[in-house]
Amino acid sequence: MAVKIRLKRIGAKKNPIYRIVVSDSRSPRDGRFIEELGYYNPLKEPVEIKIDEVKARDWIGKGAQLTGTVRDLFNKAGVLNKPAGE
């Protein structure tokens, strides 16, 4: 089973909010997921990103693949830049 960390869209029309979730790559975008890692609100000023870094590092360590957008969000939040011990 290929596992990906990706965005799941929630919120109203023209008001997107995204959950950062771990899901099977074969599941639909807004379908079943294994675990929720945080959320991303692109419309707030400044942009609001909340990520559970411990869970995220755990899933990356288990081999979960990041989508391009999630990789950018993790870099912006500093999840990928920190050493594993912090």
N, C-alpha and C. Protein backbone atom coordinates (compact mmCIF):
# COMPACT_ATOMS: atom_id res chain seq x y z
N MET A 1 0.85 -1.18 0.00
CA MET A 1 0.00 0.00 0.00
C MET A 1 0.89 1.24 0.00
N ALA A 2 0.75 2.07 -1.04
CA ALA A 2 1.50 3.32 -1.12
C ALA A 2 0.77 4.39 -0.32
N VAL A 3 1.47 5.00 0.61
CA VAL A 3 0.86 5.99 1.50
C VAL A 3 1.41 7.37 1.14
N LYS A 4 0.51 8.35 1.08
CA LYS A 4 0.89 9.72 0.76
C LYS A 4 0.40 10.67 1.84
N ILE A 5 1.18 11.73 2.05
CA ILE A 5 0.74 12.84 2.89
C ILE A 5 0.28 13.91 1.92
N ARG A 6 -1.00 14.27 1.99
CA ARG A 6 -1.56 15.20 1.02
C ARG A 6 -2.65 16.05 1.65
N LEU A 7 -3.22 16.95 0.84
CA LEU A 7 -4.25 17.86 1.31
C LEU A 7 -5.64 17.30 1.02
N LYS A 8 -6.54 17.47 1.98
CA LYS A 8 -7.95 17.10 1.83
C LYS A 8 -8.74 18.39 1.95
N ARG A 9 -9.52 18.73 0.93
CA ARG A 9 -10.23 20.01 0.92
C ARG A 9 -11.49 19.93 1.76
N ILE A 10 -11.64 20.92 2.64
CA ILE A 10 -12.87 21.09 3.41
C ILE A 10 -13.24 22.56 3.29
N GLY A 11 -14.31 22.98 3.91
CA GLY A 11 -14.71 24.38 3.84
C GLY A 11 -15.80 24.58 2.80
N ALA A 12 -16.27 25.80 2.70
CA ALA A 12 -17.37 26.13 1.80
C ALA A 12 -16.85 26.51 0.42
N LYS A 13 -17.80 26.70 -0.50
CA LYS A 13 -17.45 27.14 -1.84
C LYS A 13 -16.74 28.49 -1.77
N LYS A 14 -15.67 28.64 -2.51
CA LYS A 14 -14.85 29.86 -2.55
C LYS A 14 -14.19 30.19 -1.22
N ASN A 15 -14.21 29.25 -0.28
CA ASN A 15 -13.58 29.44 1.02
C ASN A 15 -12.86 28.15 1.42
N PRO A 16 -11.77 27.83 0.70
CA PRO A 16 -11.12 26.54 0.96
C PRO A 16 -10.31 26.53 2.25
N ILE A 17 -10.39 25.43 2.94
CA ILE A 17 -9.51 25.11 4.07
C ILE A 17 -9.08 23.67 3.81
N TYR A 18 -7.85 23.36 4.08
CA TYR A 18 -7.33 22.04 3.78
C TYR A 18 -6.86 21.35 5.05
N ARG A 19 -7.14 20.05 5.16
CA ARG A 19 -6.56 19.22 6.20
C ARG A 19 -5.36 18.51 5.60
N ILE A 20 -4.30 18.40 6.37
CA ILE A 20 -3.13 17.65 5.95
C ILE A 20 -3.33 16.24 6.50
N VAL A 21 -3.46 15.26 5.60
CA VAL A 21 -3.80 13.91 6.01
C VAL A 21 -2.84 12.88 5.40
N VAL A 22 -2.78 11.73 6.05
CA VAL A 22 -2.07 10.57 5.52
C VAL A 22 -3.13 9.65 4.95
N SER A 23 -2.98 9.28 3.67
CA SER A 23 -3.99 8.42 3.05
C SER A 23 -3.35 7.48 2.04
N ASP A 24 -4.07 6.44 1.70
CA ASP A 24 -3.66 5.53 0.64
C ASP A 24 -3.70 6.31 -0.67
N SER A 25 -2.71 6.12 -1.51
CA SER A 25 -2.64 6.89 -2.75
C SER A 25 -3.79 6.57 -3.69
N ARG A 26 -4.46 5.44 -3.50
CA ARG A 26 -5.58 5.07 -4.37
C ARG A 26 -6.91 5.67 -3.91
N SER A 27 -6.96 6.25 -2.72
CA SER A 27 -8.19 6.86 -2.21
C SER A 27 -8.45 8.19 -2.92
N PRO A 28 -9.72 8.59 -3.07
CA PRO A 28 -10.02 9.89 -3.65
C PRO A 28 -9.51 11.02 -2.76
N ARG A 29 -9.36 12.20 -3.35
CA ARG A 29 -8.79 13.35 -2.63
C ARG A 29 -9.50 13.62 -1.31
N ASP A 30 -10.82 13.62 -1.32
CA ASP A 30 -11.58 13.92 -0.11
C ASP A 30 -12.15 12.66 0.54
N GLY A 31 -11.61 11.52 0.20
CA GLY A 31 -12.12 10.25 0.71
C GLY A 31 -11.47 9.84 2.02
N ARG A 32 -11.39 8.52 2.22
CA ARG A 32 -10.85 7.96 3.46
C ARG A 32 -9.41 8.39 3.68
N PHE A 33 -9.08 8.54 4.95
CA PHE A 33 -7.69 8.83 5.29
C PHE A 33 -7.32 8.02 6.53
N ILE A 34 -6.01 7.86 6.73
CA ILE A 34 -5.51 7.06 7.84
C ILE A 34 -5.38 7.90 9.10
N GLU A 35 -4.78 9.09 8.95
CA GLU A 35 -4.56 9.95 10.11
C GLU A 35 -4.49 11.41 9.66
N GLU A 36 -4.97 12.30 10.53
CA GLU A 36 -4.90 13.74 10.26
C GLU A 36 -3.67 14.31 10.95
N LEU A 37 -2.88 15.10 10.20
CA LEU A 37 -1.65 15.67 10.75
C LEU A 37 -1.76 17.16 11.06
N GLY A 38 -2.73 17.84 10.49
CA GLY A 38 -2.86 19.27 10.73
C GLY A 38 -3.81 19.91 9.73
N TYR A 39 -3.70 21.24 9.59
CA TYR A 39 -4.54 21.95 8.63
C TYR A 39 -3.80 23.14 8.04
N TYR A 40 -4.37 23.67 6.94
CA TYR A 40 -3.79 24.79 6.21
C TYR A 40 -4.92 25.68 5.75
N ASN A 41 -4.87 26.96 6.13
CA ASN A 41 -5.88 27.93 5.73
C ASN A 41 -5.19 29.00 4.89
N PRO A 42 -5.32 28.93 3.55
CA PRO A 42 -4.62 29.87 2.67
C PRO A 42 -5.22 31.27 2.63
N LEU A 43 -6.44 31.45 3.12
CA LEU A 43 -7.10 32.75 3.01
C LEU A 43 -6.82 33.68 4.18
N LYS A 44 -6.30 33.17 5.28
CA LYS A 44 -5.97 34.02 6.43
C LYS A 44 -4.72 34.82 6.14
N GLU A 45 -4.61 35.98 6.75
CA GLU A 45 -3.40 36.80 6.64
C GLU A 45 -2.78 36.92 8.01
N PRO A 46 -1.60 36.43 8.27
CA PRO A 46 -0.78 35.58 7.39
C PRO A 46 -1.37 34.18 7.28
N VAL A 47 -0.89 33.45 6.28
CA VAL A 47 -1.38 32.09 6.03
C VAL A 47 -1.23 31.25 7.29
N GLU A 48 -2.28 30.49 7.61
CA GLU A 48 -2.29 29.69 8.84
C GLU A 48 -1.96 28.23 8.52
N ILE A 49 -0.87 27.74 9.11
CA ILE A 49 -0.44 26.35 8.93
C ILE A 49 -0.22 25.75 10.31
N LYS A 50 -0.89 24.64 10.60
CA LYS A 50 -0.68 23.93 11.87
C LYS A 50 -0.39 22.48 11.54
N ILE A 51 0.77 21.99 11.99
CA ILE A 51 1.19 20.62 11.69
C ILE A 51 1.68 19.96 12.97
N ASP A 52 1.24 18.73 13.21
CA ASP A 52 1.76 17.93 14.32
C ASP A 52 3.09 17.34 13.83
N GLU A 53 4.20 17.97 14.22
CA GLU A 53 5.51 17.60 13.70
C GLU A 53 5.92 16.18 14.08
N VAL A 54 5.55 15.74 15.27
CA VAL A 54 5.93 14.39 15.71
C VAL A 54 5.28 13.34 14.82
N LYS A 55 3.98 13.49 14.58
CA LYS A 55 3.28 12.54 13.72
C LYS A 55 3.81 12.61 12.29
N ALA A 56 4.08 13.83 11.80
CA ALA A 56 4.57 13.99 10.43
C ALA A 56 5.92 13.30 10.25
N ARG A 57 6.84 13.53 11.19
CA ARG A 57 8.16 12.88 11.10
C ARG A 57 8.03 11.36 11.19
N ASP A 58 7.10 10.89 12.02
CA ASP A 58 6.88 9.45 12.15
C ASP A 58 6.44 8.85 10.82
N TRP A 59 5.49 9.48 10.14
CA TRP A 59 5.01 8.96 8.86
C TRP A 59 6.06 9.07 7.77
N ILE A 60 6.84 10.14 7.77
CA ILE A 60 7.92 10.26 6.79
C ILE A 60 8.95 9.17 7.03
N GLY A 61 9.23 8.88 8.29
CA GLY A 61 10.15 7.81 8.64
C GLY A 61 9.65 6.44 8.21
N LYS A 62 8.33 6.27 8.18
CA LYS A 62 7.74 5.00 7.75
C LYS A 62 7.70 4.88 6.23
N GLY A 63 8.08 5.95 5.51
CA GLY A 63 8.12 5.88 4.05
C GLY A 63 6.99 6.57 3.32
N ALA A 64 6.18 7.36 4.01
CA ALA A 64 5.08 8.07 3.34
C ALA A 64 5.66 9.12 2.40
N GLN A 65 5.07 9.23 1.21
CA GLN A 65 5.51 10.19 0.21
C GLN A 65 4.74 11.49 0.39
N LEU A 66 5.44 12.63 0.22
CA LEU A 66 4.80 13.94 0.30
C LEU A 66 4.40 14.40 -1.09
N THR A 67 3.23 15.02 -1.21
CA THR A 67 2.90 15.65 -2.48
C THR A 67 3.68 16.96 -2.56
N GLY A 68 3.75 17.55 -3.73
CA GLY A 68 4.53 18.77 -3.92
C GLY A 68 4.07 19.92 -3.03
N THR A 69 2.77 20.12 -2.95
CA THR A 69 2.23 21.21 -2.14
C THR A 69 2.51 20.98 -0.66
N VAL A 70 2.35 19.77 -0.20
CA VAL A 70 2.60 19.46 1.21
C VAL A 70 4.09 19.63 1.52
N ARG A 71 4.96 19.25 0.59
CA ARG A 71 6.40 19.44 0.79
C ARG A 71 6.71 20.93 0.97
N ASP A 72 6.09 21.78 0.14
CA ASP A 72 6.29 23.23 0.26
C ASP A 72 5.78 23.74 1.60
N LEU A 73 4.62 23.26 2.04
CA LEU A 73 4.07 23.68 3.34
C LEU A 73 4.96 23.23 4.49
N PHE A 74 5.47 22.01 4.42
CA PHE A 74 6.36 21.52 5.47
C PHE A 74 7.65 22.34 5.52
N ASN A 75 8.18 22.72 4.36
CA ASN A 75 9.37 23.57 4.33
C ASN A 75 9.07 24.94 4.94
N LYS A 76 7.92 25.50 4.60
CA LYS A 76 7.53 26.81 5.12
C LYS A 76 7.35 26.77 6.64
N ALA A 77 6.79 25.67 7.14
CA ALA A 77 6.57 25.51 8.58
C ALA A 77 7.83 25.06 9.31
N GLY A 78 8.85 24.63 8.56
CA GLY A 78 10.11 24.22 9.17
C GLY A 78 10.14 22.78 9.64
N VAL A 79 9.21 21.96 9.20
CA VAL A 79 9.16 20.57 9.64
C VAL A 79 10.33 19.78 9.06
N LEU A 80 10.64 20.00 7.79
CA LEU A 80 11.70 19.24 7.13
C LEU A 80 13.09 19.79 7.43
N ASN A 81 13.17 21.03 7.89
CA ASN A 81 14.47 21.67 8.10
C ASN A 81 15.09 21.33 9.44
N LYS A 82 14.28 20.94 10.41
CA LYS A 82 14.79 20.69 11.76
C LYS A 82 15.45 19.32 11.85
N PRO A 83 16.50 19.19 12.67
CA PRO A 83 17.08 17.86 12.89
C PRO A 83 16.07 16.93 13.57
N ALA A 84 16.26 15.64 13.42
CA ALA A 84 15.30 14.65 13.92
C ALA A 84 15.14 14.70 15.43
N GLY A 85 16.15 15.14 16.17
CA GLY A 85 16.08 15.14 17.63
C GLY A 85 15.24 16.24 18.22
N GLU A 86 14.93 17.28 17.46
CA GLU A 86 14.20 18.43 18.03
C GLU A 86 12.71 18.20 18.02
